[in-house]
Amino acid sequence: MSNVPHPSLRLEQVTPATVDAALDLRVHPHQERNVAPVVRSLAEAYAFGEAAWPRLIFDGERLVGFLMAFLDLPWRDEDASDRRSGLWRLNISADAQGRGYGRFAVLSVADELRRRGVSQMYVTWEPGDDGPGAFYRRLGFRTTGETSGRQVVGVLDLQQIR
């Protein structure tokens, strides 16, 4: 995969052998208000079935993060024809941040969405100085002018990144 900054990085499904480690994964305390914990994501993945794509991020044998994509979900309840795919959650362990794992995660979701024939990838984030907006903008996401609750909505044209 061309987006692997280090050859030992990989995504894996959550399994009975890895679920406890996934549930123990923690972001920096000041980031907890910006992203739901892994336990909530796994509950949502169960509820949404095949529309959720949860994965663990490993560097060698070390668990460094969790991501979850959403696949072909209606954007608004009142318009089922506006279906979108994108990054639903991204949790990088507090002690693993700043090493390219978040970028790897976003690019891995982009690869999976392209493989599925998707041309745009969406993400939402909490606004504010300590939120992840600057990170997503550096990767090429642009704001759409929409909000989801109080979160900013960003979109990335998948032809722009590789």
N, C-alpha and C. Protein backbone atom coordinates (compact mmCIF):
# COMPACT_ATOMS: atom_id res chain seq x y z
N MET A 1 0.86 -1.17 0.00
CA MET A 1 0.00 0.00 0.00
C MET A 1 0.90 1.23 0.00
N SER A 2 0.63 2.17 -0.89
CA SER A 2 1.52 3.31 -1.06
C SER A 2 1.47 4.28 0.11
N ASN A 3 0.43 4.25 0.92
CA ASN A 3 0.32 5.23 1.99
C ASN A 3 0.92 4.76 3.31
N VAL A 4 1.62 3.65 3.31
CA VAL A 4 2.19 3.12 4.54
C VAL A 4 3.51 3.83 4.83
N PRO A 5 3.55 4.68 5.89
CA PRO A 5 4.80 5.36 6.21
C PRO A 5 5.85 4.39 6.74
N HIS A 6 5.41 3.29 7.28
CA HIS A 6 6.31 2.27 7.80
C HIS A 6 5.71 0.93 7.42
N PRO A 7 6.50 0.01 6.89
CA PRO A 7 5.93 -1.25 6.39
C PRO A 7 5.25 -2.11 7.46
N SER A 8 5.45 -1.80 8.73
CA SER A 8 4.81 -2.62 9.75
C SER A 8 3.40 -2.16 10.10
N LEU A 9 2.93 -1.07 9.47
CA LEU A 9 1.58 -0.58 9.74
C LEU A 9 0.55 -1.40 8.98
N ARG A 10 -0.54 -1.69 9.67
CA ARG A 10 -1.61 -2.45 9.03
C ARG A 10 -2.93 -2.23 9.77
N LEU A 11 -4.01 -2.48 9.07
CA LEU A 11 -5.34 -2.47 9.66
C LEU A 11 -5.78 -3.91 9.88
N GLU A 12 -6.49 -4.13 10.98
CA GLU A 12 -7.04 -5.45 11.25
C GLU A 12 -8.44 -5.31 11.80
N GLN A 13 -9.26 -6.32 11.57
CA GLN A 13 -10.59 -6.36 12.16
C GLN A 13 -10.47 -6.56 13.66
N VAL A 14 -11.48 -6.10 14.37
CA VAL A 14 -11.55 -6.36 15.80
C VAL A 14 -11.97 -7.81 15.98
N THR A 15 -11.24 -8.54 16.81
CA THR A 15 -11.52 -9.96 17.05
C THR A 15 -11.66 -10.20 18.55
N PRO A 16 -12.11 -11.38 18.93
CA PRO A 16 -12.13 -11.69 20.37
C PRO A 16 -10.75 -11.53 21.02
N ALA A 17 -9.69 -11.79 20.26
CA ALA A 17 -8.34 -11.68 20.82
C ALA A 17 -7.88 -10.23 20.99
N THR A 18 -8.50 -9.28 20.26
CA THR A 18 -8.05 -7.89 20.31
C THR A 18 -9.06 -6.93 20.92
N VAL A 19 -10.26 -7.40 21.21
CA VAL A 19 -11.30 -6.48 21.67
C VAL A 19 -10.94 -5.80 22.99
N ASP A 20 -10.34 -6.50 23.93
CA ASP A 20 -9.99 -5.87 25.21
C ASP A 20 -8.96 -4.76 25.01
N ALA A 21 -7.97 -5.00 24.18
CA ALA A 21 -6.98 -3.96 23.90
C ALA A 21 -7.63 -2.77 23.21
N ALA A 22 -8.56 -3.04 22.32
CA ALA A 22 -9.28 -1.95 21.64
C ALA A 22 -10.06 -1.11 22.65
N LEU A 23 -10.72 -1.76 23.58
CA LEU A 23 -11.52 -1.04 24.57
C LEU A 23 -10.64 -0.23 25.53
N ASP A 24 -9.40 -0.64 25.71
CA ASP A 24 -8.47 0.06 26.59
C ASP A 24 -7.80 1.26 25.92
N LEU A 25 -7.93 1.40 24.61
CA LEU A 25 -7.26 2.47 23.87
C LEU A 25 -7.79 3.83 24.33
N ARG A 26 -6.88 4.75 24.61
CA ARG A 26 -7.25 6.09 25.10
C ARG A 26 -6.51 7.18 24.34
N VAL A 27 -7.24 8.23 24.00
CA VAL A 27 -6.64 9.42 23.41
C VAL A 27 -6.17 10.32 24.55
N HIS A 28 -5.53 11.45 24.24
CA HIS A 28 -5.16 12.41 25.28
C HIS A 28 -6.42 12.87 26.02
N PRO A 29 -6.33 13.08 27.31
CA PRO A 29 -7.51 13.53 28.07
C PRO A 29 -8.20 14.76 27.48
N HIS A 30 -7.44 15.73 26.96
CA HIS A 30 -8.06 16.94 26.40
C HIS A 30 -8.77 16.65 25.07
N GLN A 31 -8.55 15.48 24.47
CA GLN A 31 -9.19 15.12 23.21
C GLN A 31 -10.47 14.31 23.42
N GLU A 32 -10.71 13.89 24.64
CA GLU A 32 -11.86 13.01 24.89
C GLU A 32 -13.19 13.65 24.52
N ARG A 33 -13.29 14.95 24.58
CA ARG A 33 -14.54 15.60 24.20
C ARG A 33 -14.71 15.68 22.68
N ASN A 34 -13.63 15.41 21.94
CA ASN A 34 -13.67 15.51 20.49
C ASN A 34 -13.99 14.20 19.78
N VAL A 35 -13.86 13.07 20.46
CA VAL A 35 -14.07 11.78 19.80
C VAL A 35 -14.65 10.79 20.81
N ALA A 36 -15.62 10.03 20.35
CA ALA A 36 -16.24 9.03 21.22
C ALA A 36 -15.24 7.91 21.51
N PRO A 37 -15.38 7.27 22.65
CA PRO A 37 -14.48 6.15 22.97
C PRO A 37 -14.77 4.94 22.06
N VAL A 38 -13.80 4.08 21.99
CA VAL A 38 -13.92 2.89 21.13
C VAL A 38 -15.15 2.05 21.50
N VAL A 39 -15.48 1.96 22.77
CA VAL A 39 -16.63 1.16 23.17
C VAL A 39 -17.91 1.65 22.49
N ARG A 40 -18.09 2.95 22.39
CA ARG A 40 -19.28 3.49 21.71
C ARG A 40 -19.23 3.15 20.22
N SER A 41 -18.06 3.29 19.62
CA SER A 41 -17.93 2.97 18.19
C SER A 41 -18.26 1.52 17.91
N LEU A 42 -17.79 0.61 18.76
CA LEU A 42 -18.09 -0.80 18.54
C LEU A 42 -19.58 -1.08 18.71
N ALA A 43 -20.24 -0.41 19.65
CA ALA A 43 -21.68 -0.57 19.80
C ALA A 43 -22.39 -0.05 18.55
N GLU A 44 -21.96 1.08 18.03
CA GLU A 44 -22.56 1.62 16.80
C GLU A 44 -22.28 0.70 15.61
N ALA A 45 -21.08 0.14 15.55
CA ALA A 45 -20.77 -0.79 14.46
C ALA A 45 -21.71 -1.99 14.50
N TYR A 46 -21.98 -2.48 15.68
CA TYR A 46 -22.93 -3.59 15.82
C TYR A 46 -24.31 -3.18 15.33
N ALA A 47 -24.76 -1.99 15.73
CA ALA A 47 -26.10 -1.52 15.36
C ALA A 47 -26.22 -1.22 13.87
N PHE A 48 -25.16 -0.71 13.25
CA PHE A 48 -25.22 -0.32 11.84
C PHE A 48 -24.82 -1.44 10.89
N GLY A 49 -24.33 -2.55 11.41
CA GLY A 49 -24.01 -3.70 10.57
C GLY A 49 -22.98 -3.38 9.49
N GLU A 50 -23.27 -3.77 8.26
CA GLU A 50 -22.31 -3.63 7.17
C GLU A 50 -22.05 -2.19 6.75
N ALA A 51 -22.84 -1.24 7.25
CA ALA A 51 -22.60 0.17 6.94
C ALA A 51 -21.45 0.74 7.76
N ALA A 52 -21.00 0.01 8.77
CA ALA A 52 -19.86 0.43 9.59
C ALA A 52 -18.66 -0.45 9.26
N TRP A 53 -17.50 0.15 9.24
CA TRP A 53 -16.25 -0.55 8.90
C TRP A 53 -15.21 -0.23 9.97
N PRO A 54 -15.27 -0.94 11.13
CA PRO A 54 -14.30 -0.68 12.21
C PRO A 54 -13.01 -1.46 11.98
N ARG A 55 -11.89 -0.80 12.27
CA ARG A 55 -10.58 -1.45 12.12
C ARG A 55 -9.63 -0.96 13.21
N LEU A 56 -8.74 -1.83 13.60
CA LEU A 56 -7.66 -1.49 14.52
C LEU A 56 -6.42 -1.16 13.70
N ILE A 57 -5.62 -0.25 14.21
CA ILE A 57 -4.39 0.16 13.55
C ILE A 57 -3.23 -0.40 14.37
N PHE A 58 -2.43 -1.23 13.73
CA PHE A 58 -1.27 -1.83 14.39
C PHE A 58 0.02 -1.34 13.74
N ASP A 59 1.01 -1.16 14.58
CA ASP A 59 2.38 -0.94 14.13
C ASP A 59 3.15 -2.13 14.67
N GLY A 60 3.43 -3.07 13.81
CA GLY A 60 3.99 -4.35 14.26
C GLY A 60 2.94 -5.04 15.10
N GLU A 61 3.30 -5.39 16.31
CA GLU A 61 2.35 -6.04 17.22
C GLU A 61 1.67 -5.06 18.16
N ARG A 62 2.04 -3.79 18.06
CA ARG A 62 1.52 -2.77 18.97
C ARG A 62 0.25 -2.12 18.42
N LEU A 63 -0.82 -2.13 19.19
CA LEU A 63 -2.06 -1.43 18.83
C LEU A 63 -1.83 0.06 19.05
N VAL A 64 -2.00 0.86 18.00
CA VAL A 64 -1.77 2.29 18.11
C VAL A 64 -3.03 3.12 17.87
N GLY A 65 -4.08 2.48 17.34
CA GLY A 65 -5.27 3.28 17.08
C GLY A 65 -6.46 2.45 16.61
N PHE A 66 -7.54 3.17 16.44
CA PHE A 66 -8.81 2.61 16.00
C PHE A 66 -9.42 3.58 15.00
N LEU A 67 -10.04 3.05 13.98
CA LEU A 67 -10.81 3.87 13.05
C LEU A 67 -12.11 3.16 12.74
N MET A 68 -13.08 3.95 12.32
CA MET A 68 -14.32 3.37 11.81
C MET A 68 -14.81 4.24 10.66
N ALA A 69 -15.05 3.60 9.54
CA ALA A 69 -15.62 4.27 8.39
C ALA A 69 -17.12 4.00 8.35
N PHE A 70 -17.83 4.87 7.66
CA PHE A 70 -19.24 4.62 7.37
C PHE A 70 -19.38 4.47 5.87
N LEU A 71 -20.22 3.55 5.47
CA LEU A 71 -20.33 3.17 4.06
C LEU A 71 -21.75 3.36 3.55
N ASP A 72 -21.92 4.31 2.65
CA ASP A 72 -23.18 4.49 1.93
C ASP A 72 -24.37 4.70 2.86
N LEU A 73 -24.24 5.63 3.79
CA LEU A 73 -25.33 5.94 4.70
C LEU A 73 -26.07 7.19 4.25
N PRO A 74 -27.39 7.25 4.46
CA PRO A 74 -28.12 8.49 4.15
C PRO A 74 -27.59 9.62 5.02
N TRP A 75 -27.37 10.78 4.41
CA TRP A 75 -26.82 11.91 5.14
C TRP A 75 -27.86 12.53 6.06
N ARG A 76 -29.04 12.71 5.57
CA ARG A 76 -30.14 13.29 6.36
C ARG A 76 -31.33 12.36 6.29
N ASP A 77 -32.04 12.24 7.39
CA ASP A 77 -33.21 11.36 7.43
C ASP A 77 -34.25 11.74 6.37
N GLU A 78 -34.37 13.02 6.09
CA GLU A 78 -35.41 13.47 5.16
C GLU A 78 -35.02 13.30 3.69
N ASP A 79 -33.77 12.92 3.40
CA ASP A 79 -33.34 12.74 2.02
C ASP A 79 -32.49 11.49 1.91
N ALA A 80 -33.13 10.36 1.76
CA ALA A 80 -32.42 9.08 1.70
C ALA A 80 -31.59 8.93 0.43
N SER A 81 -31.81 9.80 -0.57
CA SER A 81 -31.04 9.69 -1.81
C SER A 81 -29.64 10.29 -1.67
N ASP A 82 -29.42 11.14 -0.68
CA ASP A 82 -28.10 11.73 -0.44
C ASP A 82 -27.32 10.79 0.48
N ARG A 83 -26.60 9.85 -0.14
CA ARG A 83 -25.87 8.83 0.61
C ARG A 83 -24.39 9.17 0.56
N ARG A 84 -23.72 8.95 1.70
CA ARG A 84 -22.32 9.32 1.81
C ARG A 84 -21.51 8.23 2.51
N SER A 85 -20.22 8.31 2.27
CA SER A 85 -19.26 7.41 2.92
C SER A 85 -18.12 8.26 3.45
N GLY A 86 -17.48 7.77 4.51
CA GLY A 86 -16.35 8.53 5.03
C GLY A 86 -15.80 7.98 6.32
N LEU A 87 -15.05 8.82 7.00
CA LEU A 87 -14.43 8.47 8.26
C LEU A 87 -15.36 8.87 9.39
N TRP A 88 -15.78 7.89 10.17
CA TRP A 88 -16.71 8.12 11.27
C TRP A 88 -15.96 8.41 12.57
N ARG A 89 -14.94 7.62 12.85
CA ARG A 89 -14.16 7.79 14.08
C ARG A 89 -12.68 7.58 13.80
N LEU A 90 -11.88 8.30 14.56
CA LEU A 90 -10.43 8.10 14.52
C LEU A 90 -9.89 8.34 15.91
N ASN A 91 -9.38 7.30 16.53
CA ASN A 91 -8.80 7.36 17.87
C ASN A 91 -7.36 6.86 17.77
N ILE A 92 -6.43 7.76 17.97
CA ILE A 92 -5.02 7.37 18.02
C ILE A 92 -4.60 7.44 19.48
N SER A 93 -3.98 6.38 19.96
CA SER A 93 -3.55 6.30 21.35
C SER A 93 -2.71 7.52 21.72
N ALA A 94 -2.93 8.01 22.93
CA ALA A 94 -2.23 9.22 23.39
C ALA A 94 -0.72 9.09 23.22
N ASP A 95 -0.16 7.93 23.50
CA ASP A 95 1.29 7.77 23.43
C ASP A 95 1.80 7.46 22.02
N ALA A 96 0.89 7.44 21.04
CA ALA A 96 1.29 7.12 19.67
C ALA A 96 1.04 8.28 18.70
N GLN A 97 0.57 9.39 19.20
CA GLN A 97 0.23 10.51 18.32
C GLN A 97 1.47 11.22 17.80
N GLY A 98 1.32 11.83 16.62
CA GLY A 98 2.41 12.58 16.02
C GLY A 98 3.40 11.73 15.26
N ARG A 99 3.03 10.50 14.95
CA ARG A 99 3.96 9.58 14.25
C ARG A 99 3.43 9.13 12.89
N GLY A 100 2.38 9.77 12.39
CA GLY A 100 1.85 9.43 11.07
C GLY A 100 0.74 8.40 11.07
N TYR A 101 0.32 7.93 12.24
CA TYR A 101 -0.72 6.90 12.30
C TYR A 101 -2.08 7.45 11.87
N GLY A 102 -2.38 8.69 12.22
CA GLY A 102 -3.64 9.29 11.80
C GLY A 102 -3.70 9.44 10.29
N ARG A 103 -2.62 9.90 9.71
CA ARG A 103 -2.54 10.03 8.25
C ARG A 103 -2.72 8.66 7.59
N PHE A 104 -2.02 7.67 8.12
CA PHE A 104 -2.16 6.31 7.60
C PHE A 104 -3.63 5.86 7.65
N ALA A 105 -4.30 6.15 8.76
CA ALA A 105 -5.69 5.74 8.92
C ALA A 105 -6.58 6.40 7.88
N VAL A 106 -6.45 7.71 7.71
CA VAL A 106 -7.28 8.44 6.76
C VAL A 106 -7.02 7.94 5.34
N LEU A 107 -5.76 7.76 4.99
CA LEU A 107 -5.44 7.28 3.64
C LEU A 107 -5.91 5.84 3.43
N SER A 108 -5.90 5.04 4.47
CA SER A 108 -6.40 3.66 4.37
C SER A 108 -7.90 3.65 4.12
N VAL A 109 -8.64 4.51 4.80
CA VAL A 109 -10.08 4.61 4.54
C VAL A 109 -10.31 5.11 3.11
N ALA A 110 -9.52 6.10 2.69
CA ALA A 110 -9.65 6.60 1.31
C ALA A 110 -9.42 5.47 0.31
N ASP A 111 -8.40 4.64 0.54
CA ASP A 111 -8.14 3.50 -0.35
C ASP A 111 -9.34 2.55 -0.39
N GLU A 112 -9.91 2.25 0.79
CA GLU A 112 -11.05 1.33 0.85
C GLU A 112 -12.26 1.92 0.13
N LEU A 113 -12.50 3.19 0.31
CA LEU A 113 -13.64 3.82 -0.36
C LEU A 113 -13.45 3.85 -1.87
N ARG A 114 -12.24 4.17 -2.32
CA ARG A 114 -11.97 4.13 -3.77
C ARG A 114 -12.19 2.73 -4.31
N ARG A 115 -11.74 1.72 -3.57
CA ARG A 115 -11.93 0.33 -3.99
C ARG A 115 -13.41 0.01 -4.16
N ARG A 116 -14.25 0.65 -3.37
CA ARG A 116 -15.69 0.44 -3.43
C ARG A 116 -16.38 1.36 -4.44
N GLY A 117 -15.61 2.15 -5.17
CA GLY A 117 -16.17 3.02 -6.20
C GLY A 117 -16.65 4.37 -5.71
N VAL A 118 -16.26 4.76 -4.51
CA VAL A 118 -16.66 6.04 -3.93
C VAL A 118 -15.70 7.13 -4.40
N SER A 119 -16.22 8.31 -4.73
CA SER A 119 -15.36 9.39 -5.21
C SER A 119 -15.14 10.51 -4.20
N GLN A 120 -15.95 10.55 -3.13
CA GLN A 120 -15.78 11.57 -2.11
C GLN A 120 -15.82 10.93 -0.73
N MET A 121 -14.99 11.44 0.15
CA MET A 121 -14.91 10.94 1.52
C MET A 121 -15.27 12.07 2.47
N TYR A 122 -16.19 11.80 3.37
CA TYR A 122 -16.65 12.80 4.34
C TYR A 122 -16.09 12.51 5.72
N VAL A 123 -16.01 13.57 6.52
CA VAL A 123 -15.62 13.47 7.92
C VAL A 123 -16.27 14.64 8.65
N THR A 124 -16.53 14.45 9.93
CA THR A 124 -16.99 15.56 10.76
C THR A 124 -16.01 15.72 11.92
N TRP A 125 -15.93 16.95 12.43
CA TRP A 125 -15.06 17.17 13.57
C TRP A 125 -15.60 18.30 14.44
N GLU A 126 -15.18 18.22 15.70
CA GLU A 126 -15.52 19.28 16.65
C GLU A 126 -14.70 20.52 16.30
N PRO A 127 -15.36 21.68 16.20
CA PRO A 127 -14.59 22.90 15.94
C PRO A 127 -13.79 23.31 17.17
N GLY A 128 -12.84 24.16 16.96
CA GLY A 128 -12.05 24.68 18.08
C GLY A 128 -10.57 24.43 17.90
N ASP A 129 -9.79 25.16 18.67
CA ASP A 129 -8.33 25.09 18.57
C ASP A 129 -7.77 23.72 18.91
N ASP A 130 -8.41 23.00 19.83
CA ASP A 130 -7.88 21.69 20.22
C ASP A 130 -8.57 20.55 19.47
N GLY A 131 -9.41 20.88 18.50
CA GLY A 131 -10.06 19.86 17.68
C GLY A 131 -9.17 19.43 16.52
N PRO A 132 -9.60 18.43 15.77
CA PRO A 132 -8.77 17.89 14.69
C PRO A 132 -8.93 18.58 13.34
N GLY A 133 -9.58 19.74 13.28
CA GLY A 133 -9.82 20.41 12.01
C GLY A 133 -8.56 20.68 11.20
N ALA A 134 -7.52 21.19 11.85
CA ALA A 134 -6.28 21.50 11.14
C ALA A 134 -5.67 20.23 10.54
N PHE A 135 -5.74 19.13 11.28
CA PHE A 135 -5.23 17.85 10.78
C PHE A 135 -5.95 17.45 9.48
N TYR A 136 -7.28 17.51 9.50
CA TYR A 136 -8.05 17.12 8.31
C TYR A 136 -7.81 18.07 7.15
N ARG A 137 -7.71 19.37 7.42
CA ARG A 137 -7.45 20.32 6.34
C ARG A 137 -6.07 20.08 5.72
N ARG A 138 -5.08 19.73 6.54
CA ARG A 138 -3.74 19.42 5.99
C ARG A 138 -3.79 18.23 5.03
N LEU A 139 -4.72 17.31 5.27
CA LEU A 139 -4.84 16.15 4.39
C LEU A 139 -5.67 16.44 3.14
N GLY A 140 -6.21 17.65 3.05
CA GLY A 140 -6.93 18.05 1.84
C GLY A 140 -8.44 18.16 1.99
N PHE A 141 -8.97 17.88 3.17
CA PHE A 141 -10.41 18.05 3.38
C PHE A 141 -10.76 19.54 3.32
N ARG A 142 -11.89 19.84 2.73
CA ARG A 142 -12.40 21.20 2.73
C ARG A 142 -13.76 21.19 3.41
N THR A 143 -14.08 22.27 4.07
CA THR A 143 -15.38 22.33 4.74
C THR A 143 -16.47 22.50 3.68
N THR A 144 -17.62 21.91 3.98
CA THR A 144 -18.75 21.96 3.03
C THR A 144 -19.70 23.11 3.34
N GLY A 145 -19.57 23.70 4.50
CA GLY A 145 -20.54 24.71 4.94
C GLY A 145 -21.69 24.09 5.72
N GLU A 146 -21.75 22.77 5.76
CA GLU A 146 -22.77 22.05 6.50
C GLU A 146 -22.27 21.79 7.92
N THR A 147 -23.21 21.48 8.77
CA THR A 147 -22.86 21.01 10.10
C THR A 147 -23.65 19.74 10.38
N SER A 148 -23.14 18.96 11.29
CA SER A 148 -23.84 17.79 11.80
C SER A 148 -23.91 17.99 13.30
N GLY A 149 -25.06 18.43 13.77
CA GLY A 149 -25.13 18.90 15.15
C GLY A 149 -24.26 20.13 15.24
N ARG A 150 -23.28 20.12 16.12
CA ARG A 150 -22.34 21.25 16.19
C ARG A 150 -21.04 20.97 15.47
N GLN A 151 -20.92 19.81 14.86
CA GLN A 151 -19.67 19.44 14.19
C GLN A 151 -19.58 20.02 12.78
N VAL A 152 -18.37 20.32 12.37
CA VAL A 152 -18.05 20.79 11.03
C VAL A 152 -18.03 19.57 10.10
N VAL A 153 -18.53 19.73 8.89
CA VAL A 153 -18.50 18.66 7.89
C VAL A 153 -17.43 18.98 6.87
N GLY A 154 -16.54 18.02 6.62
CA GLY A 154 -15.50 18.17 5.61
C GLY A 154 -15.64 17.09 4.55
N VAL A 155 -15.15 17.40 3.37
CA VAL A 155 -15.18 16.45 2.26
C VAL A 155 -13.82 16.46 1.57
N LEU A 156 -13.46 15.32 1.05
CA LEU A 156 -12.21 15.15 0.32
C LEU A 156 -12.53 14.45 -0.99
N ASP A 157 -12.10 15.05 -2.11
CA ASP A 157 -12.24 14.37 -3.39
C ASP A 157 -11.14 13.32 -3.48
N LEU A 158 -11.54 12.07 -3.62
CA LEU A 158 -10.57 10.97 -3.51
C LEU A 158 -9.59 10.90 -4.69
N GLN A 159 -9.89 11.60 -5.77
CA GLN A 159 -8.94 11.64 -6.88
C GLN A 159 -7.74 12.51 -6.55
N GLN A 160 -7.87 13.37 -5.52
CA GLN A 160 -6.80 14.30 -5.16
C GLN A 160 -5.68 13.67 -4.36
N ILE A 161 -5.94 12.55 -3.71
CA ILE A 161 -4.90 11.96 -2.86
C ILE A 161 -4.62 10.54 -3.31
N ARG A 162 -3.46 10.09 -3.02
CA ARG A 162 -3.06 8.71 -3.33
C ARG A 162 -2.21 8.18 -2.22
